[in-house]
Amino acid sequence: MNIIIGNNLKMLRKAKNMSQEEVADHLNISQSAYARMERGESTSCAIHFNKICQVFEITPEDLVKKELGIATYESLMNTERQTEIAMISIYRKIIKKYELEIEDLKTIIKYLNKGKN
């Protein structure tokens, strides 16, 4: 059972693009203690079971499944991808705003330079 949970922890962590240290920080344990959980060498995951499920946004059933499943993995990746798409959209709006401001400033500079001549 520890090997199954360990494999699932590793897959979930990678799907969330997190380091072992980041997950360990969420669980308030050392990175080496978390690494032992991923390798299936520790039973301390039972103590942190609920917190692990919260960190990875999964159900307890998902954590102990022999195969975590493509659907769970894809849902994690889709959430990450949706966040990425939303951020790109926001960045594009900001860039567009600055491009418009730059064009306005160019027009003002052009107008001011005409007044000097």
C-alpha atoms as a PDB file:
ATOM      1  CA  MET A   1       0.000   0.000   0.000  1.00  0.00           C
ATOM      2  CA  ASN A   2       2.826   2.420   0.789  1.00  0.00           C
ATOM      3  CA  ILE A   3       4.306   1.913  -2.684  1.00  0.00           C
ATOM      4  CA  ILE A   4       0.933   2.681  -4.308  1.00  0.00           C
ATOM      5  CA  ILE A   5       0.467   5.851  -2.268  1.00  0.00           C
ATOM      6  CA  GLY A   6       4.089   6.829  -2.879  1.00  0.00           C
ATOM      7  CA  ASN A   7       3.712   6.473  -6.640  1.00  0.00           C
ATOM      8  CA  ASN A   8       0.489   8.471  -6.532  1.00  0.00           C
ATOM      9  CA  LEU A   9       2.145  11.194  -4.449  1.00  0.00           C
ATOM     10  CA  LYS A  10       4.942  11.508  -6.971  1.00  0.00           C
ATOM     11  CA  MET A  11       2.543  11.687  -9.922  1.00  0.00           C
ATOM     12  CA  LEU A  12       0.334  14.238  -8.168  1.00  0.00           C
ATOM     13  CA  ARG A  13       3.296  16.380  -7.178  1.00  0.00           C
ATOM     14  CA  LYS A  14       4.663  16.412 -10.709  1.00  0.00           C
ATOM     15  CA  ALA A  15       1.206  17.179 -12.132  1.00  0.00           C
ATOM     16  CA  LYS A  16       1.036  20.203  -9.837  1.00  0.00           C
ATOM     17  CA  ASN A  17       4.583  21.153 -10.858  1.00  0.00           C
ATOM     18  CA  MET A  18       5.673  21.195  -7.232  1.00  0.00           C
ATOM     19  CA  SER A  19       8.972  20.217  -5.656  1.00  0.00           C
ATOM     20  CA  GLN A  20       9.216  17.741  -2.816  1.00  0.00           C
ATOM     21  CA  GLU A  21      10.233  20.622  -0.586  1.00  0.00           C
ATOM     22  CA  GLU A  22       7.096  22.612  -1.465  1.00  0.00           C
ATOM     23  CA  VAL A  23       4.826  19.675  -0.628  1.00  0.00           C
ATOM     24  CA  ALA A  24       6.784  19.011   2.559  1.00  0.00           C
ATOM     25  CA  ASP A  25       6.311  22.660   3.577  1.00  0.00           C
ATOM     26  CA  HIS A  26       2.542  22.311   3.144  1.00  0.00           C
ATOM     27  CA  LEU A  27       2.631  19.227   5.357  1.00  0.00           C
ATOM     28  CA  ASN A  28       4.997  20.834   7.887  1.00  0.00           C
ATOM     29  CA  ILE A  29       7.535  18.031   7.535  1.00  0.00           C
ATOM     30  CA  SER A  30      11.064  17.803   6.188  1.00  0.00           C
ATOM     31  CA  GLN A  31      11.780  17.231   2.528  1.00  0.00           C
ATOM     32  CA  SER A  32      13.528  13.964   3.373  1.00  0.00           C
ATOM     33  CA  ALA A  33      10.455  12.731   5.292  1.00  0.00           C
ATOM     34  CA  TYR A  34       8.288  13.515   2.286  1.00  0.00           C
ATOM     35  CA  ALA A  35      10.780  11.815  -0.065  1.00  0.00           C
ATOM     36  CA  ARG A  36      10.477   8.652   2.050  1.00  0.00           C
ATOM     37  CA  MET A  37       6.696   8.794   1.613  1.00  0.00           C
ATOM     38  CA  GLU A  38       7.084   8.996  -2.167  1.00  0.00           C
ATOM     39  CA  ARG A  39       9.440   6.020  -2.122  1.00  0.00           C
ATOM     40  CA  GLY A  40       6.963   4.034  -0.018  1.00  0.00           C
ATOM     41  CA  GLU A  41       9.439   3.741   2.834  1.00  0.00           C
ATOM     42  CA  SER A  42       7.331   5.574   5.396  1.00  0.00           C
ATOM     43  CA  THR A  43       3.916   5.035   6.928  1.00  0.00           C
ATOM     44  CA  SER A  44       3.713   8.628   8.143  1.00  0.00           C
ATOM     45  CA  CYS A  45       1.493   9.490   5.157  1.00  0.00           C
ATOM     46  CA  ALA A  46      -1.390   8.196   7.301  1.00  0.00           C
ATOM     47  CA  ILE A  47      -0.812  11.059   9.735  1.00  0.00           C
ATOM     48  CA  HIS A  48      -0.908  13.581   6.901  1.00  0.00           C
ATOM     49  CA  PHE A  49      -3.573  11.880   4.817  1.00  0.00           C
ATOM     50  CA  ASN A  50      -6.224  14.622   4.907  1.00  0.00           C
ATOM     51  CA  LYS A  51      -3.707  17.421   4.387  1.00  0.00           C
ATOM     52  CA  ILE A  52      -2.203  15.568   1.409  1.00  0.00           C
ATOM     53  CA  CYS A  53      -5.660  15.329  -0.161  1.00  0.00           C
ATOM     54  CA  GLN A  54      -6.183  19.066   0.395  1.00  0.00           C
ATOM     55  CA  VAL A  55      -2.810  19.990  -1.102  1.00  0.00           C
ATOM     56  CA  PHE A  56      -3.452  17.957  -4.252  1.00  0.00           C
ATOM     57  CA  GLU A  57      -7.212  18.656  -4.353  1.00  0.00           C
ATOM     58  CA  ILE A  58      -8.170  14.987  -4.528  1.00  0.00           C
ATOM     59  CA  THR A  59     -10.386  12.609  -2.597  1.00  0.00           C
ATOM     60  CA  PRO A  60      -8.911  10.091  -0.160  1.00  0.00           C
ATOM     61  CA  GLU A  61     -10.104   7.338  -2.493  1.00  0.00           C
ATOM     62  CA  ASP A  62      -8.001   8.780  -5.318  1.00  0.00           C
ATOM     63  CA  LEU A  63      -4.886   8.740  -3.158  1.00  0.00           C
ATOM     64  CA  VAL A  64      -5.095   5.002  -2.421  1.00  0.00           C
ATOM     65  CA  LYS A  65      -6.152   3.793  -5.871  1.00  0.00           C
ATOM     66  CA  LYS A  66      -3.739   1.302  -7.371  1.00  0.00           C
ATOM     67  CA  GLU A  67      -3.687   3.421 -10.491  1.00  0.00           C
ATOM     68  CA  LEU A  68      -4.453   7.037  -9.914  1.00  0.00           C
ATOM     69  CA  GLY A  69      -5.985   7.208 -13.329  1.00  0.00           C
ATOM     70  CA  ILE A  70      -5.601   9.332 -16.375  1.00  0.00           C
ATOM     71  CA  ALA A  71      -8.805  11.243 -15.580  1.00  0.00           C
ATOM     72  CA  THR A  72      -7.478  12.511 -12.237  1.00  0.00           C
ATOM     73  CA  TYR A  73      -4.105  13.361 -13.752  1.00  0.00           C
ATOM     74  CA  GLU A  74      -5.735  15.164 -16.697  1.00  0.00           C
ATOM     75  CA  SER A  75      -8.057  17.109 -14.420  1.00  0.00           C
ATOM     76  CA  LEU A  76      -5.020  18.349 -12.493  1.00  0.00           C
ATOM     77  CA  MET A  77      -3.264  19.263 -15.710  1.00  0.00           C
ATOM     78  CA  ASN A  78      -6.404  20.919 -17.108  1.00  0.00           C
ATOM     79  CA  THR A  79      -6.699  23.106 -14.017  1.00  0.00           C
ATOM     80  CA  GLU A  80      -3.089  24.139 -14.415  1.00  0.00           C
ATOM     81  CA  ARG A  81      -3.572  24.762 -18.139  1.00  0.00           C
ATOM     82  CA  GLN A  82      -6.708  26.852 -17.518  1.00  0.00           C
ATOM     83  CA  THR A  83      -4.767  28.988 -15.051  1.00  0.00           C
ATOM     84  CA  GLU A  84      -1.996  29.408 -17.601  1.00  0.00           C
ATOM     85  CA  ILE A  85      -4.470  30.432 -20.319  1.00  0.00           C
ATOM     86  CA  ALA A  86      -6.140  32.918 -17.979  1.00  0.00           C
ATOM     87  CA  MET A  87      -2.787  34.468 -17.072  1.00  0.00           C
ATOM     88  CA  ILE A  88      -1.777  34.749 -20.729  1.00  0.00           C
ATOM     89  CA  SER A  89      -5.060  36.529 -21.442  1.00  0.00           C
ATOM     90  CA  ILE A  90      -4.421  38.986 -18.607  1.00  0.00           C
ATOM     91  CA  TYR A  91      -0.854  39.620 -19.813  1.00  0.00           C
ATOM     92  CA  ARG A  92      -2.099  40.266 -23.347  1.00  0.00           C
ATOM     93  CA  LYS A  93      -4.602  42.837 -22.058  1.00  0.00           C
ATOM     94  CA  ILE A  94      -1.866  44.583 -20.077  1.00  0.00           C
ATOM     95  CA  ILE A  95       0.450  44.611 -23.090  1.00  0.00           C
ATOM     96  CA  LYS A  96      -2.337  45.978 -25.309  1.00  0.00           C
ATOM     97  CA  LYS A  97      -3.019  48.731 -22.776  1.00  0.00           C
ATOM     98  CA  TYR A  98       0.643  49.767 -22.774  1.00  0.00           C
ATOM     99  CA  GLU A  99       0.848  49.608 -26.558  1.00  0.00           C
ATOM    100  CA  LEU A 100      -2.086  52.027 -26.763  1.00  0.00           C
ATOM    101  CA  GLU A 101      -0.454  54.330 -24.229  1.00  0.00           C
ATOM    102  CA  ILE A 102       2.790  54.245 -26.212  1.00  0.00           C
ATOM    103  CA  GLU A 103       0.908  55.215 -29.381  1.00  0.00           C
ATOM    104  CA  ASP A 104      -0.746  58.099 -27.506  1.00  0.00           C
ATOM    105  CA  LEU A 105       2.640  59.262 -26.241  1.00  0.00           C
ATOM    106  CA  LYS A 106       4.123  59.074 -29.729  1.00  0.00           C
ATOM    107  CA  THR A 107       1.287  61.262 -31.008  1.00  0.00           C
ATOM    108  CA  ILE A 108       1.846  63.773 -28.199  1.00  0.00           C
ATOM    109  CA  ILE A 109       5.607  63.854 -28.835  1.00  0.00           C
ATOM    110  CA  LYS A 110       5.009  64.334 -32.553  1.00  0.00           C
ATOM    111  CA  TYR A 111       2.620  67.214 -31.817  1.00  0.00           C
ATOM    112  CA  LEU A 112       5.077  68.834 -29.374  1.00  0.00           C
ATOM    113  CA  ASN A 113       7.949  68.511 -31.828  1.00  0.00           C
ATOM    114  CA  LYS A 114       5.879  70.305 -34.495  1.00  0.00           C
ATOM    115  CA  GLY A 115       5.420  73.203 -32.098  1.00  0.00           C
ATOM    116  CA  LYS A 116       9.200  73.599 -31.740  1.00  0.00           C
ATOM    117  CA  ASN A 117       9.744  74.062 -35.474  1.00  0.00           C
END
